Protein backbone atom coordinates (compact mmCIF):
# COMPACT_ATOMS: atom_id res chain seq x y z
CA MET A 1 -22.44 11.32 6.41
CA THR A 2 -24.18 12.21 3.18
CA ARG A 3 -23.63 9.53 0.55
CA ILE A 4 -22.47 11.00 -2.74
CA ASN A 5 -22.59 9.39 -6.14
CA ARG A 6 -19.21 7.81 -6.90
CA ARG A 7 -19.26 8.97 -10.48
CA GLN A 8 -19.84 12.53 -9.24
CA PHE A 9 -16.71 12.17 -7.13
CA LEU A 10 -14.70 10.94 -10.08
CA ALA A 11 -15.96 13.68 -12.37
CA LEU A 12 -15.17 16.32 -9.77
CA SER A 13 -11.70 14.89 -9.25
CA VAL A 14 -10.97 14.74 -12.94
CA SER A 15 -12.00 18.35 -13.47
CA THR A 16 -9.73 19.68 -10.75
CA ALA A 17 -6.83 17.29 -10.31
CA LEU A 18 -5.61 15.72 -13.53
CA THR A 19 -1.92 15.00 -13.43
CA LYS A 20 -1.19 17.18 -16.47
CA ASN A 21 -2.88 20.26 -15.06
CA LEU A 22 -1.35 20.94 -11.69
CA HIS A 23 -1.03 24.68 -11.20
CA ALA A 24 -3.60 25.96 -8.75
CA ASN A 25 -2.14 24.89 -5.43
CA SER A 26 1.34 23.94 -4.26
CA LYS A 27 -0.08 20.90 -2.47
CA THR A 28 -1.42 19.61 -5.76
CA ASN A 29 2.11 19.28 -7.07
CA LYS A 30 3.08 16.86 -4.32
CA THR A 31 0.47 14.15 -3.83
CA GLY A 32 -1.28 11.81 -6.23
CA LEU A 33 -4.24 9.51 -5.77
CA VAL A 34 -4.97 6.33 -7.70
CA ILE A 35 -8.71 5.70 -7.79
CA ASP A 36 -10.75 3.75 -10.28
CA GLU A 37 -14.37 2.66 -10.24
CA ARG A 38 -13.23 -0.86 -11.07
CA PHE A 39 -11.67 -1.13 -7.60
CA SER A 40 -15.25 -1.47 -6.33
CA GLU A 41 -16.15 -4.37 -8.63
CA HIS A 42 -14.23 -7.17 -6.91
CA ILE A 43 -16.50 -9.33 -4.74
CA ILE A 44 -15.31 -12.41 -2.87
CA SER A 45 -18.67 -13.34 -1.36
CA GLU A 46 -21.70 -11.68 0.18
CA ALA A 47 -20.92 -10.01 3.53
CA HIS A 48 -17.19 -10.69 3.13
CA PRO A 49 -15.09 -8.16 5.11
CA GLU A 50 -12.92 -7.37 2.05
CA SER A 51 -15.85 -5.73 0.30
CA PRO A 52 -16.55 -2.92 -2.19
CA ALA A 53 -17.80 -0.87 0.76
CA ARG A 54 -14.16 -0.31 1.71
CA TYR A 55 -13.53 1.57 -1.52
CA HIS A 56 -16.87 3.41 -1.46
CA ALA A 57 -16.26 4.74 2.05
CA ILE A 58 -12.79 5.98 1.11
CA THR A 59 -14.03 7.95 -1.91
CA GLN A 60 -16.89 9.42 0.14
CA GLN A 61 -14.52 10.55 2.89
CA LEU A 62 -12.09 12.04 0.40
CA ALA A 63 -14.88 14.05 -1.20
CA ALA A 64 -16.30 15.10 2.16
CA HIS A 65 -12.90 16.49 3.16
CA ASN A 66 -12.41 18.19 -0.23
CA LEU A 67 -9.16 16.33 -0.77
CA HIS A 68 -9.98 16.01 -4.46
CA LYS A 69 -8.94 19.66 -4.78
CA TYR A 70 -5.38 18.96 -3.73
CA VAL A 71 -4.41 15.65 -5.32
CA ALA A 72 -3.50 14.56 -8.82
CA LEU A 73 -5.81 11.84 -10.07
CA ILE A 74 -3.83 8.95 -11.57
CA GLN A 75 -5.29 6.16 -13.67
CA PRO A 76 -4.01 2.56 -13.38
CA LYS A 77 -1.47 1.48 -15.93
CA VAL A 78 -2.74 -1.03 -18.50
CA ASP A 79 -1.14 -4.08 -20.17
CA ILE A 80 0.98 -4.85 -17.14
CA GLU A 81 0.69 -8.65 -17.02
CA PRO A 82 4.31 -9.20 -18.17
CA TRP A 83 5.41 -7.41 -15.01
CA LEU A 84 3.57 -9.95 -12.85
CA THR A 85 6.12 -12.56 -13.92
CA LYS A 86 8.87 -10.56 -12.22
CA VAL A 87 7.43 -11.90 -8.94
CA HIS A 88 4.87 -14.59 -9.74
CA SER A 89 5.28 -17.80 -11.70
CA THR A 90 3.42 -18.34 -14.95
CA GLU A 91 1.74 -21.30 -13.25
CA HIS A 92 0.36 -19.09 -10.48
CA ILE A 93 -0.90 -16.47 -12.93
CA SER A 94 -2.46 -19.11 -15.18
CA ALA A 95 -4.24 -20.74 -12.23
CA ILE A 96 -5.76 -17.46 -11.04
CA LYS A 97 -6.73 -16.50 -14.57
CA THR A 98 -8.33 -19.89 -15.27
CA LYS A 99 -10.12 -20.42 -11.96
CA GLN A 100 -11.15 -16.81 -11.30
CA PRO A 101 -10.93 -14.72 -14.49
CA ASP A 102 -12.88 -11.76 -13.09
CA THR A 103 -10.71 -11.71 -9.99
CA HIS A 104 -7.61 -11.89 -12.17
CA SER A 105 -8.79 -8.82 -14.09
CA HIS A 106 -9.52 -6.87 -10.90
CA ALA A 107 -6.21 -7.79 -9.29
CA VAL A 108 -4.30 -6.78 -12.43
CA ILE A 109 -5.97 -3.36 -12.32
CA ALA A 110 -4.83 -2.97 -8.71
CA THR A 111 -1.27 -3.85 -9.71
CA GLY A 112 -1.54 -1.41 -12.61
CA GLY A 113 -2.45 1.33 -10.16
CA VAL A 114 0.77 0.79 -8.25
CA LEU A 115 2.87 0.83 -11.42
CA ALA A 116 1.19 4.07 -12.53
CA ALA A 117 1.94 5.59 -9.13
CA ILE A 118 5.60 4.63 -9.50
CA ASP A 119 5.63 6.24 -12.95
CA ALA A 120 4.25 9.42 -11.38
CA VAL A 121 6.85 9.76 -8.63
CA CYS A 122 9.70 8.82 -10.98
CA THR A 123 8.80 11.06 -13.94
CA SER A 124 6.81 14.05 -12.67
CA ASN A 125 6.73 16.65 -9.90
CA ILE A 126 4.52 14.38 -7.79
CA GLU A 127 6.37 13.29 -4.66
CA ASN A 128 4.01 10.74 -3.20
CA VAL A 129 0.93 8.75 -4.20
CA PHE A 130 -1.75 6.78 -2.34
CA CYS A 131 -3.40 3.89 -4.18
CA ALA A 132 -6.97 3.23 -2.96
CA SER A 133 -6.85 -0.15 -4.67
CA ARG A 134 -8.35 -3.51 -3.94
CA PRO A 135 -8.04 -6.45 -3.71
CA PRO A 136 -4.98 -6.22 -1.43
CA GLY A 137 -1.74 -8.02 -2.22
CA HIS A 138 0.86 -8.49 0.50
CA HIS A 139 -0.06 -12.13 1.30
CA ALA A 140 0.11 -13.29 -2.34
CA LEU A 141 2.56 -16.13 -2.98
CA ASN A 142 2.98 -18.58 -5.87
CA THR A 143 0.38 -21.10 -4.71
CA GLY A 144 -2.04 -20.66 -7.60
CA LYS A 145 -4.78 -19.47 -5.26
CA GLU A 146 -5.93 -16.65 -3.03
CA GLU A 147 -3.93 -16.06 0.15
CA GLY A 148 -5.46 -13.79 2.78
CA PHE A 149 -7.75 -12.05 0.23
CA CYS A 150 -4.68 -11.48 -2.01
CA TYR A 151 -3.94 -12.79 -5.52
CA TYR A 152 -0.98 -10.77 -6.85
CA ASN A 153 1.54 -8.96 -4.70
CA HIS A 154 1.16 -5.43 -6.07
CA ILE A 155 3.85 -3.88 -3.93
CA ALA A 156 6.39 -6.61 -4.71
CA VAL A 157 5.73 -6.27 -8.43
CA GLY A 158 6.03 -2.50 -7.99
CA ALA A 159 9.45 -2.87 -6.40
CA ARG A 160 10.72 -4.93 -9.32
CA TYR A 161 9.14 -2.49 -11.78
CA ALA A 162 10.92 0.46 -10.15
CA GLN A 163 14.23 -1.37 -10.17
CA GLN A 164 14.05 -2.56 -13.76
CA LYS A 165 12.28 0.34 -15.50
CA TYR A 166 13.80 3.24 -13.56
CA LYS A 167 17.07 1.60 -12.47
CA LEU A 168 16.41 2.32 -8.80
CA LYS A 169 18.82 0.11 -6.92
CA LYS A 170 17.40 0.01 -3.40
CA ILE A 171 13.74 -0.17 -2.38
CA LEU A 172 12.36 0.14 1.15
CA ILE A 173 9.01 -1.55 1.82
CA ILE A 174 7.24 -0.59 5.06
CA ASP A 175 4.25 -2.70 6.11
CA TRP A 176 2.10 -1.55 9.05
CA ASP A 177 -0.79 -3.93 8.42
CA TYR A 178 -1.99 -5.88 11.46
CA HIS A 179 -1.16 -9.08 9.57
CA HIS A 180 2.36 -9.98 8.51
CA GLY A 181 3.04 -9.58 4.80
CA ASN A 182 4.31 -13.11 4.28
CA GLY A 183 4.11 -12.75 0.50
CA THR A 184 6.37 -9.71 0.50
CA GLU A 185 8.83 -11.36 2.85
CA TRP A 186 8.87 -14.43 0.56
CA ALA A 187 9.55 -12.33 -2.53
CA PHE A 188 12.66 -10.63 -1.14
CA TYR A 189 13.95 -12.85 1.67
CA SER A 190 17.37 -13.34 0.09
CA ASP A 191 17.55 -10.00 -1.73
CA PRO A 192 19.75 -7.23 -0.26
CA SER A 193 18.32 -4.66 -2.70
CA VAL A 194 14.97 -4.61 -0.86
CA LEU A 195 14.70 -3.76 2.83
CA TYR A 196 11.42 -5.11 4.21
CA PHE A 197 10.19 -3.70 7.54
CA SER A 198 6.95 -5.05 9.03
CA THR A 199 5.08 -4.39 12.26
CA HIS A 200 2.34 -6.95 12.95
CA ASP A 201 0.89 -9.48 15.35
CA MET A 202 2.83 -12.63 14.51
CA PHE A 203 0.21 -14.83 16.20
CA ALA A 204 -2.53 -13.64 13.86
CA TYR A 205 -3.03 -14.88 10.28
CA PRO A 206 -0.90 -16.12 8.54
CA GLY A 207 1.14 -17.07 11.61
CA THR A 208 4.41 -15.75 10.18
CA GLY A 209 6.62 -12.78 10.94
CA ASN A 210 8.81 -14.04 13.76
CA PRO A 211 11.48 -11.39 14.54
CA GLU A 212 14.10 -14.14 14.27
CA ARG A 213 13.48 -14.22 10.52
CA ILE A 214 15.98 -11.64 9.31
CA GLY A 215 16.63 -12.80 5.76
CA GLU A 216 19.03 -15.34 4.33
CA GLY A 217 22.13 -15.41 2.17
CA GLU A 218 22.94 -12.00 0.74
CA GLY A 219 19.59 -10.79 2.10
CA LYS A 220 20.46 -11.52 5.72
CA GLY A 221 19.70 -8.43 7.80
CA PHE A 222 17.36 -6.92 5.21
CA ASN A 223 14.16 -8.45 6.62
CA ILE A 224 12.96 -6.80 9.83
CA ASN A 225 9.92 -8.22 11.60
CA VAL A 226 8.56 -6.48 14.69
CA HIS A 227 5.91 -8.30 16.69
CA LEU A 228 3.34 -6.03 18.35
CA ALA A 229 1.02 -7.78 20.74
CA CYS A 230 -2.75 -7.49 20.77
CA GLY A 231 -3.68 -4.06 22.13
CA ALA A 232 -0.56 -2.34 20.75
CA SER A 233 -0.89 1.45 20.98
CA ASP A 234 0.29 4.46 19.01
CA ASN A 235 3.31 4.68 21.28
CA ASP A 236 4.19 1.02 20.73
CA ILE A 237 4.25 1.23 16.94
CA ILE A 238 5.90 4.67 16.84
CA THR A 239 8.62 3.39 19.19
CA ALA A 240 9.16 0.40 16.89
CA PHE A 241 9.56 2.73 13.91
CA ARG A 242 11.98 5.01 15.74
CA ASP A 243 14.06 2.27 17.35
CA LYS A 244 14.11 -0.34 14.57
CA LEU A 245 13.26 1.36 11.27
CA LEU A 246 15.11 4.67 11.40
CA PRO A 247 18.65 3.34 12.00
CA ALA A 248 18.17 0.58 9.42
CA VAL A 249 16.96 3.02 6.77
CA ASP A 250 19.78 5.47 7.36
CA ASP A 251 22.22 2.62 6.74
CA PHE A 252 20.28 1.35 3.70
CA SER A 253 19.51 4.75 2.06
CA PRO A 254 16.66 3.73 -0.30
CA ASP A 255 15.92 5.19 -3.72
CA LEU A 256 12.15 4.73 -3.25
CA ILE A 257 9.83 3.96 -0.34
CA LEU A 258 6.76 1.75 -0.75
CA ILE A 259 4.15 1.42 2.01
CA SER A 260 1.84 -1.54 2.49
CA ALA A 261 -0.74 0.66 4.21
CA GLY A 262 -2.95 -1.81 6.05
CA PHE A 263 -5.36 -0.06 8.37
CA ASP A 264 -6.59 -3.22 10.08
CA SER A 265 -4.01 -2.29 12.73
CA ARG A 266 -6.36 0.60 13.56
CA GLN A 267 -8.46 0.50 16.71
CA ASP A 268 -11.81 -1.33 16.46
CA ASP A 269 -10.97 -3.27 13.31
CA LEU A 270 -13.01 -6.39 12.60
CA LEU A 271 -9.98 -8.60 11.94
CA GLY A 272 -7.32 -7.01 14.14
CA CYS A 273 -6.77 -6.19 17.81
CA HIS A 274 -4.20 -3.39 17.70
CA SER A 275 -5.28 0.04 18.94
CA ILE A 276 -3.60 2.46 16.53
CA SER A 277 -5.50 5.76 16.14
CA ASP A 278 -5.81 8.00 13.11
CA GLN A 279 -3.32 10.33 14.81
CA GLY A 280 -0.96 7.38 15.13
CA PHE A 281 -1.10 6.74 11.39
CA GLU A 282 -0.53 10.44 10.82
CA GLN A 283 2.63 10.25 12.92
CA LEU A 284 3.84 7.12 11.13
CA THR A 285 3.31 8.86 7.80
CA LYS A 286 5.33 11.85 8.98
CA ILE A 287 8.17 9.57 10.03
CA VAL A 288 8.19 7.89 6.63
CA LYS A 289 8.02 11.27 4.87
CA SER A 290 11.07 12.46 6.79
CA LEU A 291 12.95 9.36 5.68
CA ALA A 292 11.87 9.87 2.07
CA GLU A 293 12.93 13.51 2.12
CA ARG A 294 16.31 12.54 3.54
CA HIS A 295 17.06 9.67 1.18
CA CYS A 296 14.98 9.67 -2.02
CA ASP A 297 13.67 13.16 -2.81
CA GLY A 298 10.38 12.44 -1.05
CA LYS A 299 9.38 9.53 -3.32
CA ILE A 300 6.70 7.42 -1.63
CA VAL A 301 4.05 5.11 -3.07
CA SER A 302 1.51 3.93 -0.52
CA VAL A 303 -0.86 1.04 -1.27
CA LEU A 304 -4.02 0.05 0.58
CA GLU A 305 -3.83 -3.41 2.11
CA GLY A 306 -6.17 -4.44 4.98
CA GLY A 307 -8.70 -2.42 6.97
CA TYR A 308 -12.14 -3.87 7.64
CA ASN A 309 -13.92 -1.38 9.88
CA ILE A 310 -15.43 0.41 6.90
CA GLU A 311 -15.67 3.93 8.33
CA GLY A 312 -12.54 3.53 10.46
CA ASN A 313 -10.50 2.43 7.47
CA ALA A 314 -11.67 5.44 5.46
CA SER A 315 -10.93 7.80 8.35
CA ALA A 316 -7.39 6.44 8.66
CA VAL A 317 -6.88 6.83 4.91
CA VAL A 318 -7.88 10.51 5.14
CA ALA A 319 -5.41 11.06 8.00
CA HIS A 320 -2.70 9.31 5.99
CA ILE A 321 -3.32 11.36 2.84
CA ASN A 322 -3.46 14.61 4.81
CA ALA A 323 -0.04 13.78 6.25
CA LEU A 324 1.31 12.95 2.78
CA MET A 325 0.12 16.34 1.53
CA ALA A 326 1.54 18.32 4.47
């Protein structure tokens, strides 16, 4: 693949796909994309699998497939730190900010991307948005440190933002990452206003996600964990969605759907052993779109989580976005 200059990609996107100028193509009016050069600045350590190369490969693939012509470019929201406290303690935020100030800044930008995406689907003609953000977030707890490459739980903060700013009562979070989103489960385990559905390998990091954990108190029944063993196929995960997710969502009837889109469940990932193909992710996206169209006027915000086969991750993202635009 020919490597293109990232700033060229951004300039091209800006010139054709700004949110305020969406007239040329009907597809443009449906799908947004949150990208920002600062997503490439976060570095954990040299040769770490959660690397800037993940973001670079995504933007290159998007440009190579001309998807910049059909999406609305959305910039991360700024000054969002007060929203972090809707999920995270001030002690956790202070610890991250003090120990790793650069990481704090990068993670806040990623959270700001999710909040901007929610603004877009709640206030414009954009139906769905993909956030190509990093670092990821679904493992973040209140421990004052990094958990599974995560610092702040962007999707959990986004759920609270949607509920409090836009008065959306019920939020569905779907997590197809290979690893269980223990941070997201923690945030909403006793909350009946958020339905959390996760497919994962419960024996992988962080060792959570037992299907017996179904929520507690008023939230009992609103936490659905589905264990998929190593080697799980397209058919396995699609069956889980059809058998477990669909009936639960029809009963819940969400006002917004958020996706923790982890592509480390894709075949040949460095940190996962599921065997989901790009076509499998396309089918999952179509299932989620049908739910969104039935319950919440198509409103979906999808957020990058894991995915550590650099080219494979980017290829799955392209398949996912193509399905969102369809």
